[in-house]
Amino acid sequence: MTIDEIVKTLQEEVQALKKETHYLTRRCQRLSKAKVSDPKYPYDNWLLTRGISEAKNAKIMHVIVILKYRLAGRAIDLKRYKQSPFSGLLYHNNTPSFEEFKKIMIIILERGVPSSATAEELQIYENIKLENVDMVNDISNGHDKFLSELLNCLNIQEQGNYSEICTFLLNDLNKNQ
């Protein structure tokens, strides 16, 4: 085989894989809409029905863990996270708040820049370029139902692993409404 033939074969294989990936993605999307939810896995259902990618889920879980540590009074190693896009927003040792959680989720889920964003937060929005998810602007429009669903689902599915931080953030939301 010549190099041109090898390249052509590889390009055809890549195209076939792209088609298969697209097909499987569409099937998974349809399945997530058509299936009956298992009450043992509400967070997984929340992720599937809202089209949240694994990369975004990993970021969400990272934020939850850091907030959990802060709530428990564990010191955050600020030097370790200095280069993070959330460095000034997430990595400090103050008690977490629902508003803080909301601002970070807006960034992760690309919900737009809230009108109340500070100069530092605007810089974070400009610096971070995450994959696009086609969802309504619930969060940036001030509708907290989306995030309270996330926290409630996570609390139920993880059976206590994150119940303290989820409950704390939900209580903070209810206190400020």
N, C-alpha and C. Protein backbone atom coordinates (compact mmCIF):
# COMPACT_ATOMS: atom_id res chain seq x y z
N MET A 1 0.84 -1.19 0.00
CA MET A 1 0.00 0.00 0.00
C MET A 1 0.88 1.24 0.00
N THR A 2 0.43 2.21 -0.76
CA THR A 2 1.15 3.48 -0.77
C THR A 2 0.69 4.34 0.40
N ILE A 3 1.44 5.37 0.66
CA ILE A 3 1.09 6.28 1.74
C ILE A 3 -0.26 6.93 1.48
N ASP A 4 -0.52 7.29 0.23
CA ASP A 4 -1.81 7.90 -0.13
C ASP A 4 -2.97 6.94 0.14
N GLU A 5 -2.76 5.68 -0.16
CA GLU A 5 -3.80 4.68 0.08
C GLU A 5 -4.03 4.49 1.58
N ILE A 6 -2.95 4.47 2.34
CA ILE A 6 -3.07 4.34 3.79
C ILE A 6 -3.82 5.54 4.38
N VAL A 7 -3.46 6.74 3.92
CA VAL A 7 -4.12 7.96 4.40
C VAL A 7 -5.60 7.91 4.05
N LYS A 8 -5.92 7.51 2.82
CA LYS A 8 -7.32 7.44 2.39
C LYS A 8 -8.09 6.43 3.24
N THR A 9 -7.49 5.28 3.51
CA THR A 9 -8.13 4.26 4.34
C THR A 9 -8.38 4.78 5.76
N LEU A 10 -7.38 5.44 6.30
CA LEU A 10 -7.53 6.00 7.65
C LEU A 10 -8.59 7.09 7.69
N GLN A 11 -8.66 7.93 6.66
CA GLN A 11 -9.68 8.97 6.60
C GLN A 11 -11.08 8.36 6.52
N GLU A 12 -11.21 7.28 5.76
CA GLU A 12 -12.50 6.59 5.67
C GLU A 12 -12.89 5.98 7.02
N GLU A 13 -11.92 5.42 7.71
CA GLU A 13 -12.19 4.85 9.04
C GLU A 13 -12.60 5.94 10.03
N VAL A 14 -11.93 7.08 9.97
CA VAL A 14 -12.28 8.20 10.84
C VAL A 14 -13.71 8.65 10.56
N GLN A 15 -14.07 8.77 9.30
CA GLN A 15 -15.43 9.18 8.94
C GLN A 15 -16.46 8.16 9.44
N ALA A 16 -16.14 6.90 9.29
CA ALA A 16 -17.06 5.85 9.78
C ALA A 16 -17.22 5.95 11.29
N LEU A 17 -16.12 6.18 12.00
CA LEU A 17 -16.19 6.33 13.46
C LEU A 17 -17.00 7.57 13.86
N LYS A 18 -16.84 8.66 13.12
CA LYS A 18 -17.61 9.87 13.39
C LYS A 18 -19.11 9.61 13.22
N LYS A 19 -19.47 8.90 12.16
CA LYS A 19 -20.88 8.57 11.92
C LYS A 19 -21.42 7.69 13.05
N GLU A 20 -20.63 6.70 13.45
CA GLU A 20 -21.05 5.79 14.52
C GLU A 20 -21.19 6.55 15.84
N THR A 21 -20.25 7.44 16.12
CA THR A 21 -20.32 8.25 17.34
C THR A 21 -21.56 9.12 17.34
N HIS A 22 -21.85 9.75 16.21
CA HIS A 22 -23.04 10.59 16.10
C HIS A 22 -24.30 9.74 16.32
N TYR A 23 -24.35 8.58 15.69
CA TYR A 23 -25.48 7.67 15.84
C TYR A 23 -25.68 7.28 17.30
N LEU A 24 -24.60 6.87 17.95
CA LEU A 24 -24.69 6.44 19.35
C LEU A 24 -25.07 7.59 20.27
N THR A 25 -24.55 8.78 19.99
CA THR A 25 -24.91 9.96 20.79
C THR A 25 -26.40 10.23 20.69
N ARG A 26 -26.94 10.21 19.47
CA ARG A 26 -28.38 10.44 19.28
C ARG A 26 -29.20 9.36 19.98
N ARG A 27 -28.76 8.11 19.90
CA ARG A 27 -29.49 7.01 20.56
C ARG A 27 -29.50 7.21 22.07
N CYS A 28 -28.37 7.61 22.63
CA CYS A 28 -28.29 7.85 24.07
C CYS A 28 -29.20 9.02 24.47
N GLN A 29 -29.23 10.06 23.65
CA GLN A 29 -30.10 11.20 23.95
C GLN A 29 -31.56 10.77 23.93
N ARG A 30 -31.93 9.98 22.95
CA ARG A 30 -33.32 9.49 22.88
C ARG A 30 -33.63 8.57 24.06
N LEU A 31 -32.71 7.72 24.38
CA LEU A 31 -32.90 6.80 25.50
C LEU A 31 -33.08 7.57 26.81
N SER A 32 -32.28 8.61 27.00
CA SER A 32 -32.39 9.37 28.26
C SER A 32 -33.73 10.07 28.37
N LYS A 33 -34.35 10.41 27.25
CA LYS A 33 -35.67 11.05 27.27
C LYS A 33 -36.79 10.04 27.43
N ALA A 34 -36.62 8.86 26.83
CA ALA A 34 -37.69 7.88 26.78
C ALA A 34 -37.72 6.92 27.97
N LYS A 35 -36.62 6.79 28.65
CA LYS A 35 -36.54 5.80 29.72
C LYS A 35 -37.33 6.25 30.97
N VAL A 36 -37.63 5.29 31.79
CA VAL A 36 -38.26 5.58 33.07
C VAL A 36 -37.13 5.77 34.08
N SER A 37 -37.20 6.83 34.84
CA SER A 37 -36.14 7.12 35.82
C SER A 37 -36.14 6.10 36.94
N ASP A 38 -34.96 5.73 37.37
CA ASP A 38 -34.79 4.88 38.53
C ASP A 38 -34.63 5.80 39.74
N PRO A 39 -35.51 5.73 40.71
CA PRO A 39 -35.44 6.64 41.87
C PRO A 39 -34.14 6.52 42.68
N LYS A 40 -33.38 5.45 42.47
CA LYS A 40 -32.10 5.31 43.16
C LYS A 40 -31.01 6.18 42.54
N TYR A 41 -31.24 6.67 41.31
CA TYR A 41 -30.21 7.41 40.58
C TYR A 41 -30.73 8.75 40.03
N PRO A 42 -31.26 9.60 40.89
CA PRO A 42 -31.82 10.86 40.38
C PRO A 42 -30.76 11.81 39.82
N TYR A 43 -29.57 11.79 40.37
CA TYR A 43 -28.53 12.68 39.86
C TYR A 43 -28.10 12.26 38.46
N ASP A 44 -27.93 10.96 38.24
CA ASP A 44 -27.59 10.47 36.90
C ASP A 44 -28.69 10.85 35.91
N ASN A 45 -29.93 10.73 36.33
CA ASN A 45 -31.05 11.11 35.47
C ASN A 45 -31.01 12.61 35.18
N TRP A 46 -30.70 13.41 36.20
CA TRP A 46 -30.60 14.86 36.03
C TRP A 46 -29.53 15.19 34.98
N LEU A 47 -28.39 14.53 35.07
CA LEU A 47 -27.31 14.75 34.11
C LEU A 47 -27.74 14.37 32.69
N LEU A 48 -28.35 13.20 32.56
CA LEU A 48 -28.74 12.71 31.24
C LEU A 48 -29.80 13.58 30.59
N THR A 49 -30.85 13.90 31.33
CA THR A 49 -31.95 14.65 30.73
C THR A 49 -31.58 16.09 30.41
N ARG A 50 -30.53 16.60 31.03
CA ARG A 50 -30.10 17.96 30.75
C ARG A 50 -28.89 18.02 29.82
N GLY A 51 -28.43 16.87 29.38
CA GLY A 51 -27.33 16.83 28.43
C GLY A 51 -26.00 17.29 28.99
N ILE A 52 -25.79 17.09 30.28
CA ILE A 52 -24.54 17.51 30.92
C ILE A 52 -23.44 16.50 30.57
N SER A 53 -22.36 17.00 30.01
CA SER A 53 -21.26 16.11 29.61
C SER A 53 -20.50 15.59 30.83
N GLU A 54 -19.71 14.56 30.60
CA GLU A 54 -18.89 14.00 31.67
C GLU A 54 -17.86 15.02 32.15
N ALA A 55 -17.33 15.81 31.23
CA ALA A 55 -16.36 16.84 31.61
C ALA A 55 -17.00 17.87 32.54
N LYS A 56 -18.21 18.29 32.22
CA LYS A 56 -18.90 19.26 33.08
C LYS A 56 -19.30 18.63 34.40
N ASN A 57 -19.70 17.36 34.37
CA ASN A 57 -20.04 16.68 35.61
C ASN A 57 -18.82 16.60 36.52
N ALA A 58 -17.66 16.32 35.94
CA ALA A 58 -16.43 16.27 36.75
C ALA A 58 -16.16 17.62 37.40
N LYS A 59 -16.40 18.70 36.68
CA LYS A 59 -16.21 20.04 37.25
C LYS A 59 -17.22 20.32 38.34
N ILE A 60 -18.47 19.92 38.12
CA ILE A 60 -19.51 20.10 39.15
C ILE A 60 -19.11 19.36 40.42
N MET A 61 -18.69 18.11 40.27
CA MET A 61 -18.33 17.32 41.44
C MET A 61 -17.09 17.89 42.14
N HIS A 62 -16.15 18.43 41.38
CA HIS A 62 -14.98 19.06 41.98
C HIS A 62 -15.42 20.25 42.83
N VAL A 63 -16.31 21.05 42.31
CA VAL A 63 -16.82 22.21 43.06
C VAL A 63 -17.52 21.75 44.34
N ILE A 64 -18.35 20.73 44.23
CA ILE A 64 -19.07 20.21 45.41
C ILE A 64 -18.07 19.74 46.47
N VAL A 65 -17.04 19.03 46.06
CA VAL A 65 -16.05 18.52 47.02
C VAL A 65 -15.31 19.68 47.70
N ILE A 66 -14.89 20.68 46.92
CA ILE A 66 -14.19 21.83 47.52
C ILE A 66 -15.11 22.57 48.49
N LEU A 67 -16.37 22.77 48.11
CA LEU A 67 -17.32 23.44 49.01
C LEU A 67 -17.55 22.60 50.27
N LYS A 68 -17.59 21.29 50.10
CA LYS A 68 -17.75 20.38 51.25
C LYS A 68 -16.56 20.54 52.20
N TYR A 69 -15.36 20.59 51.65
CA TYR A 69 -14.17 20.78 52.49
C TYR A 69 -14.23 22.11 53.22
N ARG A 70 -14.61 23.15 52.51
CA ARG A 70 -14.67 24.47 53.14
C ARG A 70 -15.71 24.51 54.25
N LEU A 71 -16.86 23.88 54.02
CA LEU A 71 -17.91 23.84 55.05
C LEU A 71 -17.41 23.10 56.29
N ALA A 72 -16.63 22.06 56.09
CA ALA A 72 -16.09 21.27 57.20
C ALA A 72 -14.91 21.96 57.88
N GLY A 73 -14.47 23.09 57.33
CA GLY A 73 -13.36 23.82 57.94
C GLY A 73 -11.99 23.34 57.52
N ARG A 74 -11.94 22.49 56.49
CA ARG A 74 -10.64 22.02 55.99
C ARG A 74 -9.99 23.15 55.21
N ALA A 75 -8.74 23.39 55.47
CA ALA A 75 -8.01 24.45 54.77
C ALA A 75 -7.80 24.06 53.31
N ILE A 76 -8.01 25.03 52.43
CA ILE A 76 -7.79 24.82 51.00
C ILE A 76 -6.38 25.30 50.67
N ASP A 77 -5.62 24.46 49.99
CA ASP A 77 -4.26 24.82 49.56
C ASP A 77 -4.36 25.79 48.39
N LEU A 78 -4.31 27.07 48.68
CA LEU A 78 -4.52 28.10 47.66
C LEU A 78 -3.46 28.08 46.58
N LYS A 79 -2.24 27.72 46.93
CA LYS A 79 -1.16 27.66 45.94
C LYS A 79 -1.44 26.59 44.89
N ARG A 80 -2.02 25.49 45.32
CA ARG A 80 -2.30 24.37 44.42
C ARG A 80 -3.27 24.77 43.30
N TYR A 81 -4.20 25.66 43.61
CA TYR A 81 -5.24 26.01 42.65
C TYR A 81 -5.07 27.40 42.06
N LYS A 82 -3.89 27.97 42.16
CA LYS A 82 -3.65 29.33 41.70
C LYS A 82 -3.96 29.52 40.22
N GLN A 83 -3.68 28.53 39.40
CA GLN A 83 -3.89 28.63 37.96
C GLN A 83 -5.30 28.21 37.53
N SER A 84 -6.13 27.81 38.44
CA SER A 84 -7.48 27.38 38.11
C SER A 84 -8.32 28.57 37.65
N PRO A 85 -9.25 28.34 36.71
CA PRO A 85 -10.12 29.44 36.30
C PRO A 85 -11.04 29.91 37.42
N PHE A 86 -11.18 29.11 38.46
CA PHE A 86 -12.03 29.47 39.59
C PHE A 86 -11.23 29.98 40.79
N SER A 87 -9.94 30.26 40.60
CA SER A 87 -9.05 30.53 41.73
C SER A 87 -9.58 31.57 42.71
N GLY A 88 -10.05 32.70 42.24
CA GLY A 88 -10.53 33.73 43.16
C GLY A 88 -11.95 33.51 43.62
N LEU A 89 -12.66 32.62 42.95
CA LEU A 89 -14.08 32.42 43.23
C LEU A 89 -14.34 31.23 44.15
N LEU A 90 -13.61 30.17 43.99
CA LEU A 90 -13.87 28.93 44.72
C LEU A 90 -12.83 28.64 45.80
N TYR A 91 -11.58 28.94 45.51
CA TYR A 91 -10.49 28.50 46.38
C TYR A 91 -10.13 29.56 47.41
N HIS A 92 -10.86 29.55 48.48
CA HIS A 92 -10.56 30.37 49.65
C HIS A 92 -11.12 29.61 50.84
N ASN A 93 -10.97 30.12 52.02
CA ASN A 93 -11.35 29.35 53.20
C ASN A 93 -12.58 29.89 53.91
N ASN A 94 -13.40 30.68 53.22
CA ASN A 94 -14.63 31.19 53.81
C ASN A 94 -15.74 30.14 53.71
N THR A 95 -16.77 30.32 54.53
CA THR A 95 -17.93 29.45 54.47
C THR A 95 -18.61 29.62 53.11
N PRO A 96 -18.97 28.52 52.45
CA PRO A 96 -19.60 28.64 51.13
C PRO A 96 -21.01 29.23 51.23
N SER A 97 -21.49 29.73 50.10
CA SER A 97 -22.85 30.24 50.02
C SER A 97 -23.50 29.75 48.73
N PHE A 98 -24.83 29.79 48.72
CA PHE A 98 -25.53 29.38 47.51
C PHE A 98 -25.21 30.32 46.36
N GLU A 99 -25.10 31.61 46.62
CA GLU A 99 -24.79 32.58 45.56
C GLU A 99 -23.44 32.29 44.92
N GLU A 100 -22.48 31.92 45.74
CA GLU A 100 -21.15 31.56 45.23
C GLU A 100 -21.25 30.31 44.35
N PHE A 101 -21.96 29.30 44.85
CA PHE A 101 -22.20 28.07 44.10
C PHE A 101 -22.87 28.39 42.76
N LYS A 102 -23.84 29.26 42.79
CA LYS A 102 -24.58 29.65 41.60
C LYS A 102 -23.65 30.31 40.57
N LYS A 103 -22.80 31.21 41.01
CA LYS A 103 -21.88 31.89 40.08
C LYS A 103 -20.95 30.88 39.41
N ILE A 104 -20.46 29.93 40.19
CA ILE A 104 -19.55 28.93 39.64
C ILE A 104 -20.29 28.02 38.65
N MET A 105 -21.52 27.64 38.98
CA MET A 105 -22.29 26.79 38.07
C MET A 105 -22.62 27.52 36.77
N ILE A 106 -22.84 28.82 36.84
CA ILE A 106 -23.08 29.60 35.62
C ILE A 106 -21.87 29.48 34.70
N ILE A 107 -20.69 29.55 35.27
CA ILE A 107 -19.47 29.42 34.48
C ILE A 107 -19.37 28.02 33.89
N ILE A 108 -19.55 27.01 34.71
CA ILE A 108 -19.40 25.63 34.25
C ILE A 108 -20.42 25.29 33.18
N LEU A 109 -21.66 25.69 33.39
CA LEU A 109 -22.73 25.33 32.47
C LEU A 109 -22.96 26.37 31.37
N GLU A 110 -22.09 27.38 31.34
CA GLU A 110 -22.15 28.43 30.32
C GLU A 110 -23.54 29.05 30.24
N ARG A 111 -24.01 29.53 31.33
CA ARG A 111 -25.34 30.11 31.37
C ARG A 111 -25.35 31.61 31.12
N GLY A 112 -24.24 32.18 30.74
CA GLY A 112 -24.19 33.61 30.49
C GLY A 112 -23.64 34.35 31.69
N VAL A 113 -23.30 35.59 31.48
CA VAL A 113 -22.72 36.41 32.53
C VAL A 113 -23.84 37.14 33.28
N PRO A 114 -23.94 36.95 34.59
CA PRO A 114 -24.98 37.68 35.34
C PRO A 114 -24.65 39.17 35.41
N SER A 115 -25.67 39.97 35.48
CA SER A 115 -25.46 41.42 35.52
C SER A 115 -24.72 41.86 36.77
N SER A 116 -24.74 41.05 37.81
CA SER A 116 -24.09 41.40 39.07
C SER A 116 -22.62 40.97 39.13
N ALA A 117 -22.06 40.48 38.01
CA ALA A 117 -20.70 39.96 38.00
C ALA A 117 -19.68 41.06 38.30
N THR A 118 -18.70 40.72 39.12
CA THR A 118 -17.61 41.65 39.43
C THR A 118 -16.60 41.62 38.29
N ALA A 119 -15.64 42.54 38.33
CA ALA A 119 -14.60 42.59 37.30
C ALA A 119 -13.82 41.28 37.27
N GLU A 120 -13.52 40.72 38.45
CA GLU A 120 -12.79 39.45 38.51
C GLU A 120 -13.61 38.32 37.89
N GLU A 121 -14.90 38.30 38.18
CA GLU A 121 -15.77 37.27 37.62
C GLU A 121 -15.90 37.43 36.10
N LEU A 122 -15.96 38.67 35.62
CA LEU A 122 -16.01 38.90 34.18
C LEU A 122 -14.75 38.37 33.51
N GLN A 123 -13.62 38.54 34.16
CA GLN A 123 -12.36 38.03 33.62
C GLN A 123 -12.40 36.50 33.55
N ILE A 124 -12.96 35.88 34.58
CA ILE A 124 -13.10 34.42 34.59
C ILE A 124 -13.97 33.98 33.42
N TYR A 125 -15.10 34.68 33.21
CA TYR A 125 -15.99 34.34 32.10
C TYR A 125 -15.27 34.45 30.76
N GLU A 126 -14.43 35.45 30.62
CA GLU A 126 -13.71 35.64 29.36
C GLU A 126 -12.63 34.58 29.17
N ASN A 127 -11.99 34.17 30.25
CA ASN A 127 -10.87 33.23 30.16
C ASN A 127 -11.30 31.79 29.95
N ILE A 128 -12.46 31.44 30.46
CA ILE A 128 -12.85 30.03 30.41
C ILE A 128 -13.69 29.76 29.17
N LYS A 129 -13.32 28.76 28.43
CA LYS A 129 -14.05 28.39 27.21
C LYS A 129 -14.43 26.92 27.33
N LEU A 130 -15.67 26.66 27.75
CA LEU A 130 -16.14 25.29 27.93
C LEU A 130 -17.03 24.90 26.76
N GLU A 131 -17.25 23.61 26.60
CA GLU A 131 -18.11 23.14 25.52
C GLU A 131 -19.53 23.67 25.69
N ASN A 132 -20.21 23.87 24.61
CA ASN A 132 -21.54 24.48 24.62
C ASN A 132 -22.59 23.42 24.92
N VAL A 133 -23.50 23.75 25.82
CA VAL A 133 -24.64 22.90 26.12
C VAL A 133 -25.89 23.72 25.83
N ASP A 134 -26.78 23.18 25.03
CA ASP A 134 -27.98 23.91 24.65
C ASP A 134 -29.04 23.73 25.73
N MET A 135 -29.03 24.64 26.71
CA MET A 135 -30.01 24.62 27.78
C MET A 135 -30.58 26.01 27.96
N VAL A 136 -31.74 26.08 28.58
CA VAL A 136 -32.34 27.39 28.85
C VAL A 136 -31.52 28.14 29.86
N ASN A 137 -31.68 29.45 29.93
CA ASN A 137 -30.89 30.31 30.81
C ASN A 137 -31.48 30.40 32.21
N ASP A 138 -31.94 29.30 32.77
CA ASP A 138 -32.56 29.33 34.09
C ASP A 138 -31.68 30.01 35.14
N ILE A 139 -30.42 29.62 35.20
CA ILE A 139 -29.56 30.10 36.28
C ILE A 139 -29.31 31.58 36.16
N SER A 140 -28.85 32.04 35.01
CA SER A 140 -28.48 33.44 34.88
C SER A 140 -29.69 34.35 34.95
N ASN A 141 -30.88 33.83 34.73
CA ASN A 141 -32.08 34.62 34.85
C ASN A 141 -32.61 34.65 36.28
N GLY A 142 -31.88 34.07 37.20
CA GLY A 142 -32.27 34.11 38.60
C GLY A 142 -33.17 32.98 39.05
N HIS A 143 -33.42 32.01 38.20
CA HIS A 143 -34.26 30.88 38.58
C HIS A 143 -33.38 29.81 39.23
N ASP A 144 -33.55 29.63 40.51
CA ASP A 144 -32.68 28.73 41.26
C ASP A 144 -33.19 27.29 41.32
N LYS A 145 -34.33 27.05 40.68
CA LYS A 145 -34.91 25.70 40.69
C LYS A 145 -33.94 24.69 40.08
N PHE A 146 -33.29 25.08 39.01
CA PHE A 146 -32.35 24.21 38.31
C PHE A 146 -31.26 23.71 39.27
N LEU A 147 -30.69 24.63 40.03
CA LEU A 147 -29.60 24.24 40.95
C LEU A 147 -30.12 23.53 42.18
N SER A 148 -31.31 23.89 42.64
CA SER A 148 -31.85 23.16 43.79
C SER A 148 -32.17 21.72 43.38
N GLU A 149 -32.60 21.51 42.13
CA GLU A 149 -32.80 20.14 41.63
C GLU A 149 -31.49 19.38 41.65
N LEU A 150 -30.43 20.01 41.16
CA LEU A 150 -29.11 19.39 41.15
C LEU A 150 -28.73 18.95 42.56
N LEU A 151 -28.85 19.87 43.52
CA LEU A 151 -28.45 19.57 44.90
C LEU A 151 -29.33 18.49 45.53
N ASN A 152 -30.63 18.55 45.28
CA ASN A 152 -31.53 17.52 45.83
C ASN A 152 -31.24 16.15 45.23
N CYS A 153 -31.03 16.10 43.91
CA CYS A 153 -30.74 14.82 43.26
C CYS A 153 -29.42 14.24 43.74
N LEU A 154 -28.42 15.08 43.84
CA LEU A 154 -27.10 14.63 44.31
C LEU A 154 -27.20 14.12 45.75
N ASN A 155 -27.93 14.83 46.57
CA ASN A 155 -28.11 14.44 47.97
C ASN A 155 -28.77 13.07 48.08
N ILE A 156 -29.79 12.82 47.30
CA ILE A 156 -30.50 11.54 47.35
C ILE A 156 -29.62 10.41 46.82
N GLN A 157 -29.02 10.61 45.65
CA GLN A 157 -28.26 9.53 45.01
C GLN A 157 -27.01 9.16 45.79
N GLU A 158 -26.33 10.11 46.32
CA GLU A 158 -25.05 9.83 46.97
C GLU A 158 -25.23 9.37 48.42
N GLN A 159 -26.44 9.27 48.90
CA GLN A 159 -26.79 8.72 50.21
C GLN A 159 -25.88 9.20 51.33
N GLY A 160 -25.78 10.51 51.45
CA GLY A 160 -25.06 11.08 52.59
C GLY A 160 -23.68 11.58 52.31
N ASN A 161 -23.05 11.17 51.21
CA ASN A 161 -21.69 11.63 50.93
C ASN A 161 -21.61 13.15 50.82
N TYR A 162 -22.65 13.74 50.27
CA TYR A 162 -22.67 15.19 50.08
C TYR A 162 -23.87 15.84 50.74
N SER A 163 -24.53 15.12 51.63
CA SER A 163 -25.77 15.65 52.21
C SER A 163 -25.53 16.92 53.02
N GLU A 164 -24.42 17.01 53.73
CA GLU A 164 -24.18 18.20 54.55
C GLU A 164 -24.03 19.45 53.68
N ILE A 165 -23.23 19.39 52.62
CA ILE A 165 -23.04 20.57 51.78
C ILE A 165 -24.31 20.85 50.97
N CYS A 166 -24.97 19.82 50.47
CA CYS A 166 -26.21 20.04 49.70
C CYS A 166 -27.28 20.69 50.58
N THR A 167 -27.46 20.16 51.78
CA THR A 167 -28.44 20.72 52.70
C THR A 167 -28.07 22.15 53.09
N PHE A 168 -26.81 22.40 53.34
CA PHE A 168 -26.35 23.73 53.70
C PHE A 168 -26.66 24.74 52.59
N LEU A 169 -26.32 24.37 51.35
CA LEU A 169 -26.56 25.28 50.23
C LEU A 169 -28.05 25.50 49.98
N LEU A 170 -28.85 24.44 50.10
CA LEU A 170 -30.29 24.59 49.94
C LEU A 170 -30.89 25.47 51.03
N ASN A 171 -30.44 25.29 52.27
CA ASN A 171 -30.90 26.14 53.36
C ASN A 171 -30.50 27.60 53.13
N ASP A 172 -29.28 27.80 52.61
CA ASP A 172 -28.82 29.16 52.31
C ASP A 172 -29.70 29.79 51.23
N LEU A 173 -30.06 29.01 50.22
CA LEU A 173 -30.96 29.50 49.17
C LEU A 173 -32.31 29.90 49.77
N ASN A 174 -32.88 29.02 50.60
CA ASN A 174 -34.20 29.29 51.19
C ASN A 174 -34.16 30.48 52.14
N LYS A 175 -33.05 30.64 52.83
CA LYS A 175 -32.90 31.76 53.78
C LYS A 175 -32.89 33.09 53.04
N ASN A 176 -32.32 33.11 51.85
CA ASN A 176 -32.16 34.36 51.10
C ASN A 176 -33.28 34.64 50.11
N GLN A 177 -34.30 33.81 50.10
CA GLN A 177 -35.43 34.05 49.17
C GLN A 177 -36.49 34.93 49.80
